[in-house]
């Protein structure tokens, strides 16, 4: 059963599809390949408010926790 949660709440190695990105952040993360409808996988999650590293289209990118909190992902 699919469930939506913030990218910042996803666990290591968890995969999902981006369903929503806060408006003002869309252009900024689009340059990283992160757009609504894209699949991504969390590859590292740093403890205590550290960055979240994800793979999108085979490329690894890092997002600050503040940005990851504004991206909603449907986790399968």
PDB file of N, CA and C in Angstrom:
ATOM      1  N   UNK A   1       0.834  -1.187   0.000  1.00  0.00           N
ATOM      2  CA  UNK A   1       0.000   0.000   0.000  1.00  0.00           C
ATOM      3  C   UNK A   1       0.879   1.251   0.000  1.00  0.00           C
ATOM      4  N   UNK A   2       0.592   2.163  -0.905  1.00  0.00           N
ATOM      5  CA  UNK A   2       1.381   3.380  -1.026  1.00  0.00           C
ATOM      6  C   UNK A   2       1.017   4.372   0.070  1.00  0.00           C
ATOM      7  N   UNK A   3       2.016   5.160   0.458  1.00  0.00           N
ATOM      8  CA  UNK A   3       1.806   6.126   1.516  1.00  0.00           C
ATOM      9  C   UNK A   3       2.675   7.349   1.225  1.00  0.00           C
ATOM     10  N   UNK A   4       2.149   8.522   1.478  1.00  0.00           N
ATOM     11  CA  UNK A   4       2.915   9.735   1.233  1.00  0.00           C
ATOM     12  C   UNK A   4       3.613  10.180   2.493  1.00  0.00           C
ATOM     13  N   UNK A   5       4.857  10.640   2.296  1.00  0.00           N
ATOM     14  CA  UNK A   5       5.559  11.269   3.411  1.00  0.00           C
ATOM     15  C   UNK A   5       6.597  12.236   2.879  1.00  0.00           C
ATOM     16  N   UNK A   6       7.101  13.072   3.739  1.00  0.00           N
ATOM     17  CA  UNK A   6       8.112  14.044   3.347  1.00  0.00           C
ATOM     18  C   UNK A   6       9.420  13.305   3.048  1.00  0.00           C
ATOM     19  N   UNK A   7      10.159  13.831   2.084  1.00  0.00           N
ATOM     20  CA  UNK A   7      11.459  13.236   1.758  1.00  0.00           C
ATOM     21  C   UNK A   7      12.345  13.178   3.000  1.00  0.00           C
ATOM     22  N   UNK A   8      12.239  14.178   3.858  1.00  0.00           N
ATOM     23  CA  UNK A   8      13.043  14.225   5.081  1.00  0.00           C
ATOM     24  C   UNK A   8      12.706  13.093   6.047  1.00  0.00           C
ATOM     25  N   UNK A   9      11.526  12.463   5.884  1.00  0.00           N
ATOM     26  CA  UNK A   9      11.091  11.390   6.789  1.00  0.00           C
ATOM     27  C   UNK A   9      11.383   9.998   6.237  1.00  0.00           C
ATOM     28  N   UNK A  10      11.873   9.933   4.994  1.00  0.00           N
ATOM     29  CA  UNK A  10      12.142   8.628   4.387  1.00  0.00           C
ATOM     30  C   UNK A  10      13.375   7.986   5.005  1.00  0.00           C
ATOM     31  N   UNK A  11      13.421   6.665   4.950  1.00  0.00           N
ATOM     32  CA  UNK A  11      14.539   5.916   5.520  1.00  0.00           C
ATOM     33  C   UNK A  11      15.564   5.566   4.458  1.00  0.00           C
ATOM     34  N   UNK A  12      16.738   5.161   4.924  1.00  0.00           N
ATOM     35  CA  UNK A  12      17.804   4.718   4.034  1.00  0.00           C
ATOM     36  C   UNK A  12      17.304   3.629   3.084  1.00  0.00           C
ATOM     37  N   UNK A  13      17.650   3.739   1.819  1.00  0.00           N
ATOM     38  CA  UNK A  13      17.330   2.771   0.765  1.00  0.00           C
ATOM     39  C   UNK A  13      15.844   2.715   0.403  1.00  0.00           C
ATOM     40  N   UNK A  14      15.063   3.641   0.923  1.00  0.00           N
ATOM     41  CA  UNK A  14      13.646   3.679   0.596  1.00  0.00           C
ATOM     42  C   UNK A  14      13.462   4.389  -0.750  1.00  0.00           C
ATOM     43  N   UNK A  15      12.508   3.909  -1.542  1.00  0.00           N
ATOM     44  CA  UNK A  15      12.237   4.489  -2.850  1.00  0.00           C
ATOM     45  C   UNK A  15      10.837   5.057  -2.906  1.00  0.00           C
ATOM     46  N   UNK A  16      10.649   6.031  -3.793  1.00  0.00           N
ATOM     47  CA  UNK A  16       9.322   6.594  -3.960  1.00  0.00           C
ATOM     48  C   UNK A  16       9.269   7.517  -5.163  1.00  0.00           C
ATOM     49  N   UNK A  17       8.070   8.039  -5.403  1.00  0.00           N
ATOM     50  CA  UNK A  17       7.831   8.950  -6.520  1.00  0.00           C
ATOM     51  C   UNK A  17       7.418  10.310  -5.964  1.00  0.00           C
ATOM     52  N   UNK A  18       8.066  11.356  -6.455  1.00  0.00           N
ATOM     53  CA  UNK A  18       7.768  12.713  -5.995  1.00  0.00           C
ATOM     54  C   UNK A  18       6.342  13.080  -6.404  1.00  0.00           C
ATOM     55  N   UNK A  19       5.534  13.516  -5.441  1.00  0.00           N
ATOM     56  CA  UNK A  19       4.147  13.905  -5.725  1.00  0.00           C
ATOM     57  C   UNK A  19       3.917  15.401  -5.564  1.00  0.00           C
ATOM     58  N   UNK A  20       4.746  16.063  -4.770  1.00  0.00           N
ATOM     59  CA  UNK A  20       4.533  17.488  -4.541  1.00  0.00           C
ATOM     60  C   UNK A  20       5.835  18.151  -4.095  1.00  0.00           C
ATOM     61  N   UNK A  21       6.060  19.352  -4.631  1.00  0.00           N
ATOM     62  CA  UNK A  21       7.215  20.164  -4.234  1.00  0.00           C
ATOM     63  C   UNK A  21       6.672  21.568  -3.983  1.00  0.00           C
ATOM     64  N   UNK A  22       7.007  22.147  -2.847  1.00  0.00           N
ATOM     65  CA  UNK A  22       6.515  23.502  -2.570  1.00  0.00           C
ATOM     66  C   UNK A  22       6.930  24.435  -3.706  1.00  0.00           C
ATOM     67  N   UNK A  23       5.997  25.277  -4.107  1.00  0.00           N
ATOM     68  CA  UNK A  23       6.118  26.119  -5.303  1.00  0.00           C
ATOM     69  C   UNK A  23       7.464  26.827  -5.436  1.00  0.00           C
ATOM     70  N   UNK A  24       7.876  27.533  -4.402  1.00  0.00           N
ATOM     71  CA  UNK A  24       9.089  28.346  -4.513  1.00  0.00           C
ATOM     72  C   UNK A  24      10.360  27.512  -4.678  1.00  0.00           C
ATOM     73  N   UNK A  25      10.283  26.227  -4.357  1.00  0.00           N
ATOM     74  CA  UNK A  25      11.456  25.351  -4.400  1.00  0.00           C
ATOM     75  C   UNK A  25      11.581  24.600  -5.731  1.00  0.00           C
ATOM     76  N   UNK A  26      10.503  24.570  -6.512  1.00  0.00           N
ATOM     77  CA  UNK A  26      10.465  23.733  -7.719  1.00  0.00           C
ATOM     78  C   UNK A  26      11.609  23.982  -8.687  1.00  0.00           C
ATOM     79  N   UNK A  27      11.850  25.236  -9.026  1.00  0.00           N
ATOM     80  CA  UNK A  27      12.890  25.551 -10.007  1.00  0.00           C
ATOM     81  C   UNK A  27      14.269  25.166  -9.473  1.00  0.00           C
ATOM     82  N   UNK A  28      14.489  25.405  -8.213  1.00  0.00           N
ATOM     83  CA  UNK A  28      15.787  25.109  -7.596  1.00  0.00           C
ATOM     84  C   UNK A  28      16.118  23.606  -7.643  1.00  0.00           C
ATOM     85  N   UNK A  29      15.149  22.756  -7.308  1.00  0.00           N
ATOM     86  CA  UNK A  29      15.420  21.319  -7.290  1.00  0.00           C
ATOM     87  C   UNK A  29      15.294  20.682  -8.678  1.00  0.00           C
ATOM     88  N   UNK A  30      14.609  21.362  -9.608  1.00  0.00           N
ATOM     89  CA  UNK A  30      14.508  20.839 -10.977  1.00  0.00           C
ATOM     90  C   UNK A  30      15.900  20.713 -11.587  1.00  0.00           C
ATOM     91  N   UNK A  31      16.793  21.619 -11.236  1.00  0.00           N
ATOM     92  CA  UNK A  31      18.178  21.560 -11.718  1.00  0.00           C
ATOM     93  C   UNK A  31      18.927  20.339 -11.203  1.00  0.00           C
ATOM     94  N   UNK A  32      18.424  19.727 -10.147  1.00  0.00           N
ATOM     95  CA  UNK A  32      19.012  18.504  -9.587  1.00  0.00           C
ATOM     96  C   UNK A  32      18.309  17.263 -10.148  1.00  0.00           C
ATOM     97  N   UNK A  33      17.324  17.482 -11.027  1.00  0.00           N
ATOM     98  CA  UNK A  33      16.577  16.359 -11.593  1.00  0.00           C
ATOM     99  C   UNK A  33      15.369  15.956 -10.776  1.00  0.00           C
ATOM    100  N   UNK A  34      15.080  16.698  -9.718  1.00  0.00           N
ATOM    101  CA  UNK A  34      13.957  16.356  -8.839  1.00  0.00           C
ATOM    102  C   UNK A  34      12.721  17.136  -9.285  1.00  0.00           C
ATOM    103  N   UNK A  35      11.750  16.399  -9.820  1.00  0.00           N
ATOM    104  CA  UNK A  35      10.503  16.997 -10.294  1.00  0.00           C
ATOM    105  C   UNK A  35       9.348  16.079  -9.899  1.00  0.00           C
ATOM    106  N   UNK A  36       8.136  16.621  -9.919  1.00  0.00           N
ATOM    107  CA  UNK A  36       6.960  15.803  -9.646  1.00  0.00           C
ATOM    108  C   UNK A  36       6.901  14.683 -10.683  1.00  0.00           C
ATOM    109  N   UNK A  37       6.660  13.454 -10.208  1.00  0.00           N
ATOM    110  CA  UNK A  37       6.586  12.301 -11.094  1.00  0.00           C
ATOM    111  C   UNK A  37       7.879  11.511 -11.190  1.00  0.00           C
ATOM    112  N   UNK A  38       8.994  12.074 -10.708  1.00  0.00           N
ATOM    113  CA  UNK A  38      10.288  11.388 -10.768  1.00  0.00           C
ATOM    114  C   UNK A  38      10.413  10.393  -9.625  1.00  0.00           C
ATOM    115  N   UNK A  39      11.052   9.259  -9.925  1.00  0.00           N
ATOM    116  CA  UNK A  39      11.346   8.274  -8.889  1.00  0.00           C
ATOM    117  C   UNK A  39      12.703   8.615  -8.279  1.00  0.00           C
ATOM    118  N   UNK A  40      12.816   8.416  -6.980  1.00  0.00           N
ATOM    119  CA  UNK A  40      14.099   8.629  -6.324  1.00  0.00           C
ATOM    120  C   UNK A  40      14.294   7.599  -5.222  1.00  0.00           C
ATOM    121  N   UNK A  41      15.551   7.465  -4.794  1.00  0.00           N
ATOM    122  CA  UNK A  41      15.889   6.528  -3.718  1.00  0.00           C
ATOM    123  C   UNK A  41      16.845   7.219  -2.760  1.00  0.00           C
ATOM    124  N   UNK A  42      16.582   7.076  -1.467  1.00  0.00           N
ATOM    125  CA  UNK A  42      17.440   7.660  -0.441  1.00  0.00           C
ATOM    126  C   UNK A  42      18.666   6.763  -0.288  1.00  0.00           C
ATOM    127  N   UNK A  43      19.865   7.347  -0.470  1.00  0.00           N
ATOM    128  CA  UNK A  43      21.084   6.553  -0.350  1.00  0.00           C
ATOM    129  C   UNK A  43      21.865   6.823   0.925  1.00  0.00           C
ATOM    130  N   UNK A  44      21.733   8.014   1.467  1.00  0.00           N
ATOM    131  CA  UNK A  44      22.298   8.261   2.798  1.00  0.00           C
ATOM    132  C   UNK A  44      21.435   9.304   3.484  1.00  0.00           C
ATOM    133  N   UNK A  45      21.354   9.162   4.774  1.00  0.00           N
ATOM    134  CA  UNK A  45      20.601  10.125   5.579  1.00  0.00           C
ATOM    135  C   UNK A  45      21.448  10.392   6.807  1.00  0.00           C
ATOM    136  N   UNK A  46      21.916  11.619   6.906  1.00  0.00           N
ATOM    137  CA  UNK A  46      22.793  11.988   8.012  1.00  0.00           C
ATOM    138  C   UNK A  46      21.968  12.230   9.275  1.00  0.00           C
ATOM    139  N   UNK A  47      22.484  11.832  10.410  1.00  0.00           N
ATOM    140  CA  UNK A  47      21.758  12.066  11.661  1.00  0.00           C
ATOM    141  C   UNK A  47      21.774  13.545  12.060  1.00  0.00           C
ATOM    142  N   UNK A  48      20.879  13.892  12.929  1.00  0.00           N
ATOM    143  CA  UNK A  48      20.814  15.217  13.545  1.00  0.00           C
ATOM    144  C   UNK A  48      20.833  16.340  12.513  1.00  0.00           C
ATOM    145  N   UNK A  49      19.757  16.383  11.737  1.00  0.00           N
ATOM    146  CA  UNK A  49      19.509  17.479  10.792  1.00  0.00           C
ATOM    147  C   UNK A  49      20.534  17.602   9.676  1.00  0.00           C
ATOM    148  N   UNK A  50      21.208  16.501   9.347  1.00  0.00           N
ATOM    149  CA  UNK A  50      22.167  16.521   8.239  1.00  0.00           C
ATOM    150  C   UNK A  50      21.447  16.395   6.916  1.00  0.00           C
ATOM    151  N   UNK A  51      22.209  16.467   5.803  1.00  0.00           N
ATOM    152  CA  UNK A  51      21.590  16.393   4.478  1.00  0.00           C
ATOM    153  C   UNK A  51      21.046  14.995   4.155  1.00  0.00           C
ATOM    154  N   UNK A  52      20.158  14.966   3.167  1.00  0.00           N
ATOM    155  CA  UNK A  52      19.596  13.716   2.659  1.00  0.00           C
ATOM    156  C   UNK A  52      20.150  13.537   1.248  1.00  0.00           C
ATOM    157  N   UNK A  53      20.811  12.406   0.980  1.00  0.00           N
ATOM    158  CA  UNK A  53      21.346  12.121  -0.351  1.00  0.00           C
ATOM    159  C   UNK A  53      20.405  11.172  -1.066  1.00  0.00           C
ATOM    160  N   UNK A  54      20.066  11.519  -2.314  1.00  0.00           N
ATOM    161  CA  UNK A  54      19.152  10.701  -3.104  1.00  0.00           C
ATOM    162  C   UNK A  54      19.745  10.420  -4.472  1.00  0.00           C
ATOM    163  N   UNK A  55      19.249   9.347  -5.105  1.00  0.00           N
ATOM    164  CA  UNK A  55      19.602   9.066  -6.497  1.00  0.00           C
ATOM    165  C   UNK A  55      18.353   9.291  -7.335  1.00  0.00           C
ATOM    166  N   UNK A  56      18.510  10.132  -8.361  1.00  0.00           N
ATOM    167  CA  UNK A  56      17.436  10.425  -9.319  1.00  0.00           C
ATOM    168  C   UNK A  56      18.034  10.235 -10.707  1.00  0.00           C
ATOM    169  N   UNK A  57      17.408   9.413 -11.530  1.00  0.00           N
ATOM    170  CA  UNK A  57      17.909   9.158 -12.891  1.00  0.00           C
ATOM    171  C   UNK A  57      19.384   8.744 -12.892  1.00  0.00           C
ATOM    172  N   UNK A  58      19.786   7.950 -11.908  1.00  0.00           N
ATOM    173  CA  UNK A  58      21.150   7.433 -11.863  1.00  0.00           C
ATOM    174  C   UNK A  58      22.184   8.400 -11.312  1.00  0.00           C
ATOM    175  N   UNK A  59      21.791   9.612 -10.971  1.00  0.00           N
ATOM    176  CA  UNK A  59      22.724  10.605 -10.441  1.00  0.00           C
ATOM    177  C   UNK A  59      22.438  10.865  -8.967  1.00  0.00           C
ATOM    178  N   UNK A  60      23.506  10.934  -8.182  1.00  0.00           N
ATOM    179  CA  UNK A  60      23.342  11.194  -6.755  1.00  0.00           C
ATOM    180  C   UNK A  60      23.384  12.696  -6.494  1.00  0.00           C
ATOM    181  N   UNK A  61      22.486  13.155  -5.657  1.00  0.00           N
ATOM    182  CA  UNK A  61      22.450  14.568  -5.291  1.00  0.00           C
ATOM    183  C   UNK A  61      22.125  14.691  -3.809  1.00  0.00           C
ATOM    184  N   UNK A  62      22.522  15.782  -3.223  1.00  0.00           N
ATOM    185  CA  UNK A  62      22.337  15.999  -1.796  1.00  0.00           C
ATOM    186  C   UNK A  62      21.419  17.195  -1.564  1.00  0.00           C
ATOM    187  N   UNK A  63      20.476  17.023  -0.648  1.00  0.00           N
ATOM    188  CA  UNK A  63      19.532  18.091  -0.304  1.00  0.00           C
ATOM    189  C   UNK A  63      19.642  18.395   1.177  1.00  0.00           C
ATOM    190  N   UNK A  64      19.586  19.667   1.516  1.00  0.00           N
ATOM    191  CA  UNK A  64      19.528  20.033   2.925  1.00  0.00           C
ATOM    192  C   UNK A  64      18.209  19.556   3.512  1.00  0.00           C
ATOM    193  N   UNK A  65      18.193  19.304   4.788  1.00  0.00           N
ATOM    194  CA  UNK A  65      16.987  18.810   5.451  1.00  0.00           C
ATOM    195  C   UNK A  65      15.828  19.787   5.288  1.00  0.00           C
ATOM    196  N   UNK A  66      16.119  21.093   5.289  1.00  0.00           N
ATOM    197  CA  UNK A  66      15.058  22.096   5.134  1.00  0.00           C
ATOM    198  C   UNK A  66      14.374  21.963   3.771  1.00  0.00           C
ATOM    199  N   UNK A  67      15.145  21.630   2.717  1.00  0.00           N
ATOM    200  CA  UNK A  67      14.567  21.421   1.399  1.00  0.00           C
ATOM    201  C   UNK A  67      13.804  20.099   1.351  1.00  0.00           C
ATOM    202  N   UNK A  68      14.388  19.058   1.948  1.00  0.00           N
ATOM    203  CA  UNK A  68      13.763  17.730   1.933  1.00  0.00           C
ATOM    204  C   UNK A  68      12.413  17.732   2.654  1.00  0.00           C
ATOM    205  N   UNK A  69      12.236  18.649   3.602  1.00  0.00           N
ATOM    206  CA  UNK A  69      10.961  18.738   4.328  1.00  0.00           C
ATOM    207  C   UNK A  69       9.843  19.308   3.450  1.00  0.00           C
ATOM    208  N   UNK A  70      10.207  19.921   2.335  1.00  0.00           N
ATOM    209  CA  UNK A  70       9.217  20.569   1.470  1.00  0.00           C
ATOM    210  C   UNK A  70       8.916  19.766   0.209  1.00  0.00           C
ATOM    211  N   UNK A  71       9.383  18.518   0.182  1.00  0.00           N
ATOM    212  CA  UNK A  71       9.140  17.619  -0.959  1.00  0.00           C
ATOM    213  C   UNK A  71       8.375  16.416  -0.442  1.00  0.00           C
ATOM    214  N   UNK A  72       7.210  16.139  -1.063  1.00  0.00           N
ATOM    215  CA  UNK A  72       6.373  15.009  -0.674  1.00  0.00           C
ATOM    216  C   UNK A  72       6.592  13.868  -1.659  1.00  0.00           C
ATOM    217  N   UNK A  73       6.748  12.672  -1.120  1.00  0.00           N
ATOM    218  CA  UNK A  73       7.044  11.483  -1.919  1.00  0.00           C
ATOM    219  C   UNK A  73       6.029  10.396  -1.592  1.00  0.00           C
ATOM    220  N   UNK A  74       5.541   9.712  -2.641  1.00  0.00           N
ATOM    221  CA  UNK A  74       4.693   8.543  -2.429  1.00  0.00           C
ATOM    222  C   UNK A  74       5.606   7.330  -2.351  1.00  0.00           C
ATOM    223  N   UNK A  75       5.624   6.699  -1.192  1.00  0.00           N
ATOM    224  CA  UNK A  75       6.491   5.553  -0.943  1.00  0.00           C
ATOM    225  C   UNK A  75       5.688   4.284  -1.157  1.00  0.00           C
ATOM    226  N   UNK A  76       6.238   3.400  -1.994  1.00  0.00           N
ATOM    227  CA  UNK A  76       5.510   2.158  -2.312  1.00  0.00           C
ATOM    228  C   UNK A  76       5.692   1.136  -1.204  1.00  0.00           C
TER     229      UNK A  76
END
